[in-house]
Amino acid sequence: MNVSRIAAASAVAAASMLLFCGAASAHVGVQPQGEAAKGGYAVVNVKVPNERDNASTVKVEINMPAEHPLSSVMPQPVPGWKVKVDKSELDKPLEVHGKQITEAVTKVTWTADGTKIGPGEFQQFPVSLGRLPEDADQLVFKAIQTYDNKEVVRWIEEPTEGGEEPESPAPVLKLSAAADDHHGASATGAKDDAKAAGHEEEAASRTASGDSSDSTARILGVVGILVGAAGVAFGVLAGRRRSA
């Protein structure tokens, strides 16, 4: 009896944990395709799950981080969805590749156009972002999800470090350390260039040596032909004299 009660209690606890984990993880999120490094560019997926069993998602809005405006925001077309990109003037222009950027994207909105995110389904919306800030460890994208029954869910609560996850957390993009595209790469590149130069010199030397050998062989061949021809001519003349 005790064993049966313990097993039943364990099953109930496990089921409760699964339900809790499912509810906690079923929210709009932002996931990078590969790495999202500081100071670089990245493609991220806005992942939108449907949390309702009696309604479908028909609209998704993602707000760009105002404290870290991005000079480039390009959504990838998604079949069955219309996309709208809103921009606004920047209080302080951004300098990217020597150019002054005076406006930036503030919001991207996807609206269902022939399809929906049904119960038990999710949809991903790819977006290219850049340049990512160098002075931040993460970016917060506040999202709004609208269902076809007019219900609106606002995923706008910013998580706090060390605190519990909010009930409606905003999507967060974690940024990795900046890629070392200059110093380490240059040193390695210099070594590779040196090796390549050494191989090229060796190859050139071999080629020159081969060319010299070929030239010598050709000269000897021509001389041999001439000597042979002279010998034949001499033999013919000698034969004629004997006959005479």
Protein backbone atom coordinates (compact mmCIF):
# COMPACT_ATOMS: atom_id res chain seq x y z
CA MET A 1 0.00 0.00 0.00
CA ASN A 2 2.75 2.40 0.94
CA VAL A 3 4.59 1.67 -2.30
CA SER A 4 1.40 2.31 -4.30
CA ARG A 5 0.74 5.61 -2.52
CA ILE A 6 4.32 6.77 -3.07
CA ALA A 7 4.14 5.88 -6.76
CA ALA A 8 0.83 7.71 -7.17
CA ALA A 9 2.15 10.79 -5.39
CA SER A 10 5.27 10.77 -7.56
CA ALA A 11 3.17 10.55 -10.73
CA VAL A 12 1.03 13.50 -9.65
CA ALA A 13 4.12 15.56 -8.80
CA ALA A 14 5.76 14.74 -12.13
CA ALA A 15 2.61 15.69 -14.04
CA SER A 16 2.38 18.96 -12.13
CA MET A 17 5.99 19.78 -12.92
CA LEU A 18 5.43 19.09 -16.63
CA LEU A 19 2.35 21.31 -16.69
CA PHE A 20 4.20 24.07 -14.86
CA CYS A 21 7.22 23.88 -17.19
CA GLY A 22 4.96 23.89 -20.23
CA ALA A 23 3.09 26.98 -19.03
CA ALA A 24 6.29 28.78 -18.09
CA SER A 25 8.02 28.16 -21.42
CA ALA A 26 5.02 28.80 -23.70
CA HIS A 27 5.59 32.48 -24.35
CA VAL A 28 6.89 34.64 -27.18
CA GLY A 29 10.68 34.40 -27.39
CA VAL A 30 13.64 35.53 -29.49
CA GLN A 31 16.20 32.91 -30.50
CA PRO A 32 19.32 33.62 -32.60
CA GLN A 33 20.23 31.48 -35.58
CA GLY A 34 23.80 30.74 -34.57
CA GLU A 35 25.50 33.49 -32.59
CA ALA A 36 24.44 37.03 -31.72
CA ALA A 37 27.79 38.72 -31.00
CA LYS A 38 28.22 42.24 -29.72
CA GLY A 39 28.97 44.73 -32.49
CA GLY A 40 27.91 42.30 -35.20
CA TYR A 41 24.82 41.23 -37.14
CA ALA A 42 22.53 38.29 -36.47
CA VAL A 43 19.42 36.57 -37.75
CA VAL A 44 16.93 35.80 -34.99
CA ASN A 45 13.66 33.88 -34.91
CA VAL A 46 10.70 35.45 -33.15
CA LYS A 47 9.04 32.29 -31.85
CA VAL A 48 5.30 32.65 -31.20
CA PRO A 49 3.46 29.69 -29.61
CA ASN A 50 -0.33 29.58 -29.30
CA GLU A 51 -1.32 29.27 -25.63
CA ARG A 52 -5.06 28.98 -26.18
CA ASP A 53 -7.03 25.87 -27.07
CA ASN A 54 -10.07 27.80 -28.31
CA ALA A 55 -8.50 30.64 -30.32
CA SER A 56 -5.81 31.27 -32.95
CA THR A 57 -3.08 33.93 -33.07
CA VAL A 58 -3.65 36.43 -35.89
CA LYS A 59 -1.24 39.27 -35.05
CA VAL A 60 2.22 39.65 -33.52
CA GLU A 61 3.99 42.93 -32.71
CA ILE A 62 7.66 43.18 -31.73
CA ASN A 63 9.02 46.46 -30.40
CA MET A 64 12.71 47.18 -30.93
CA PRO A 65 14.79 48.18 -27.87
CA ALA A 66 14.60 51.98 -27.61
CA GLU A 67 17.76 52.26 -25.49
CA HIS A 68 19.79 50.49 -28.19
CA PRO A 69 18.41 51.48 -31.61
CA LEU A 70 19.39 49.18 -34.46
CA SER A 71 20.42 50.63 -37.81
CA SER A 72 19.29 47.54 -39.74
CA VAL A 73 16.10 45.53 -39.15
CA MET A 74 14.95 43.34 -42.06
CA PRO A 75 12.14 40.79 -41.62
CA GLN A 76 12.11 37.72 -43.83
CA PRO A 77 8.81 37.11 -45.68
CA VAL A 78 6.64 34.42 -44.08
CA PRO A 79 3.97 32.78 -46.25
CA GLY A 80 0.45 33.62 -45.08
CA TRP A 81 1.51 36.72 -43.14
CA LYS A 82 1.73 40.42 -44.01
CA VAL A 83 4.56 42.38 -42.43
CA LYS A 84 4.72 46.08 -41.57
CA VAL A 85 7.86 47.92 -40.46
CA ASP A 86 7.53 51.19 -38.50
CA LYS A 87 10.39 53.69 -38.25
CA SER A 88 10.98 56.87 -36.25
CA GLU A 89 13.52 59.67 -36.09
CA LEU A 90 16.42 59.19 -33.70
CA ASP A 91 17.25 61.77 -31.05
CA LYS A 92 20.91 60.99 -31.62
CA PRO A 93 22.03 59.79 -35.08
CA LEU A 94 23.93 56.54 -35.39
CA GLU A 95 27.20 56.31 -37.29
CA VAL A 96 27.52 53.05 -39.22
CA HIS A 97 30.27 52.42 -41.77
CA GLY A 98 30.97 56.14 -41.93
CA LYS A 99 27.34 57.08 -42.59
CA GLN A 100 24.92 58.98 -40.37
CA ILE A 101 21.69 57.04 -39.64
CA THR A 102 18.92 59.43 -38.58
CA GLU A 103 16.02 56.96 -38.27
CA ALA A 104 15.60 53.41 -37.05
CA VAL A 105 12.96 50.70 -36.97
CA THR A 106 10.86 50.85 -33.82
CA LYS A 107 8.33 48.07 -34.43
CA VAL A 108 7.68 45.09 -36.71
CA THR A 109 4.13 43.76 -37.03
CA TRP A 110 3.00 40.49 -38.62
CA THR A 111 -0.70 40.11 -39.45
CA ALA A 112 -2.30 36.85 -40.57
CA ASP A 113 -3.16 36.85 -44.27
CA GLY A 114 -4.61 33.49 -45.17
CA THR A 115 -3.21 31.54 -42.22
CA LYS A 116 -3.18 31.58 -38.41
CA ILE A 117 -1.28 30.05 -35.51
CA GLY A 118 -3.76 27.47 -34.30
CA PRO A 119 -4.10 25.73 -30.94
CA GLY A 120 -1.10 23.53 -30.19
CA GLU A 121 0.98 25.24 -32.91
CA PHE A 122 3.75 27.83 -33.10
CA GLN A 123 5.23 30.04 -35.81
CA GLN A 124 8.70 31.53 -36.28
CA PHE A 125 9.31 34.93 -37.86
CA PRO A 126 12.97 35.42 -38.95
CA VAL A 127 14.47 38.91 -38.67
CA SER A 128 17.95 40.19 -39.51
CA LEU A 129 19.28 42.63 -36.86
CA GLY A 130 22.34 44.86 -36.63
CA ARG A 131 24.56 46.35 -35.67
CA LEU A 132 24.17 44.86 -32.23
CA PRO A 133 25.39 47.11 -29.39
CA GLU A 134 28.83 46.58 -27.90
CA ASP A 135 27.92 47.98 -24.47
CA ALA A 136 25.06 45.61 -23.59
CA ASP A 137 24.77 41.95 -22.61
CA GLN A 138 21.20 41.53 -23.79
CA LEU A 139 18.37 43.21 -25.71
CA VAL A 140 14.74 43.23 -24.61
CA PHE A 141 12.01 43.08 -27.27
CA LYS A 142 8.54 43.78 -25.90
CA ALA A 143 5.86 41.82 -27.76
CA ILE A 144 2.08 41.91 -28.15
CA GLN A 145 0.13 38.82 -29.25
CA THR A 146 -3.44 39.10 -30.55
CA TYR A 147 -5.95 36.23 -30.92
CA ASP A 148 -8.90 35.98 -33.26
CA ASN A 149 -11.28 36.22 -30.27
CA LYS A 150 -9.94 39.77 -29.66
CA GLU A 151 -7.83 38.71 -26.66
CA VAL A 152 -4.52 40.58 -26.40
CA VAL A 153 -1.53 39.27 -24.43
CA ARG A 154 1.26 41.73 -23.65
CA TRP A 155 4.69 40.15 -23.24
CA ILE A 156 6.30 43.29 -21.85
CA GLU A 157 7.56 42.50 -18.34
CA GLU A 158 11.34 42.81 -18.20
CA PRO A 159 13.08 40.05 -16.24
CA THR A 160 15.38 41.00 -13.39
CA GLU A 161 18.73 39.36 -12.76
CA GLY A 162 18.43 36.75 -10.01
CA GLY A 163 14.68 37.25 -9.77
CA GLU A 164 11.76 34.99 -10.65
CA GLU A 165 10.46 34.92 -14.19
CA PRO A 166 7.57 37.36 -14.67
CA GLU A 167 4.10 36.11 -15.55
CA SER A 168 4.30 37.73 -19.00
CA PRO A 169 8.05 38.06 -19.69
CA ALA A 170 9.33 40.10 -22.61
CA PRO A 171 11.50 38.27 -25.16
CA VAL A 172 15.21 38.65 -24.38
CA LEU A 173 18.13 38.22 -26.78
CA LYS A 174 21.38 37.30 -25.04
CA LEU A 175 24.50 38.77 -26.67
CA SER A 176 27.78 36.88 -26.80
CA ALA A 177 31.28 38.38 -26.62
CA ALA A 178 32.42 40.38 -29.63
CA ALA A 179 34.22 38.36 -32.28
CA ASP A 180 37.94 39.15 -32.60
CA ASP A 181 38.04 39.97 -36.30
CA HIS A 182 41.24 42.00 -36.21
CA HIS A 183 44.00 41.11 -33.75
CA GLY A 184 43.97 37.33 -33.55
CA ALA A 185 42.89 36.96 -37.14
CA SER A 186 45.68 39.24 -38.32
CA ALA A 187 48.36 37.26 -36.51
CA THR A 188 47.08 33.99 -37.88
CA GLY A 189 46.65 35.55 -41.28
CA ALA A 190 50.24 36.83 -41.23
CA LYS A 191 51.53 33.34 -40.43
CA ASP A 192 49.43 31.84 -43.17
CA ASP A 193 50.64 34.51 -45.61
CA ALA A 194 54.25 33.77 -44.67
CA LYS A 195 53.71 30.05 -45.21
CA ALA A 196 51.99 30.74 -48.49
CA ALA A 197 54.86 33.00 -49.60
CA GLY A 198 57.39 30.30 -48.67
CA HIS A 199 55.48 27.70 -50.64
CA GLU A 200 55.23 30.06 -53.59
CA GLU A 201 59.00 30.70 -53.53
CA GLU A 202 59.70 26.98 -53.32
CA ALA A 203 57.29 26.31 -56.15
CA ALA A 204 58.83 29.10 -58.22
CA SER A 205 62.32 27.67 -57.58
CA ARG A 206 61.15 24.22 -58.61
CA THR A 207 59.50 25.66 -61.69
CA ALA A 208 62.65 27.57 -62.64
CA SER A 209 64.77 24.46 -62.10
CA GLY A 210 62.34 22.41 -64.13
CA ASP A 211 62.36 24.99 -66.92
CA SER A 212 66.20 24.97 -66.93
CA SER A 213 66.26 21.17 -67.11
CA ASP A 214 63.73 21.19 -69.92
CA SER A 215 65.80 23.73 -71.88
CA THR A 216 69.00 21.68 -71.45
CA ALA A 217 67.26 18.53 -72.56
CA ARG A 218 65.87 20.26 -75.63
CA ILE A 219 69.32 21.60 -76.62
CA LEU A 220 70.93 18.18 -76.19
CA GLY A 221 68.16 16.65 -78.23
CA VAL A 222 68.68 19.09 -81.11
CA VAL A 223 72.46 18.52 -81.01
CA GLY A 224 71.90 14.75 -81.11
CA ILE A 225 69.66 15.08 -84.15
CA LEU A 226 72.24 17.22 -85.97
CA VAL A 227 75.05 14.79 -85.15
CA GLY A 228 72.95 11.91 -86.36
CA ALA A 229 72.09 13.69 -89.59
CA ALA A 230 75.78 14.51 -90.19
CA GLY A 231 76.69 10.85 -89.64
CA VAL A 232 74.09 9.70 -92.16
CA ALA A 233 75.31 12.23 -94.74
CA PHE A 234 78.92 11.15 -94.19
CA GLY A 235 77.97 7.51 -94.65
CA VAL A 236 76.16 8.24 -97.93
CA LEU A 237 79.11 10.19 -99.33
CA ALA A 238 81.54 7.46 -98.31
CA GLY A 239 79.43 4.85 -100.04
CA ARG A 240 79.33 6.83 -103.29
CA ARG A 241 83.15 7.22 -103.29
CA ARG A 242 83.66 3.47 -102.90
CA SER A 243 81.27 2.78 -105.72
CA ALA A 244 83.14 5.22 -107.95
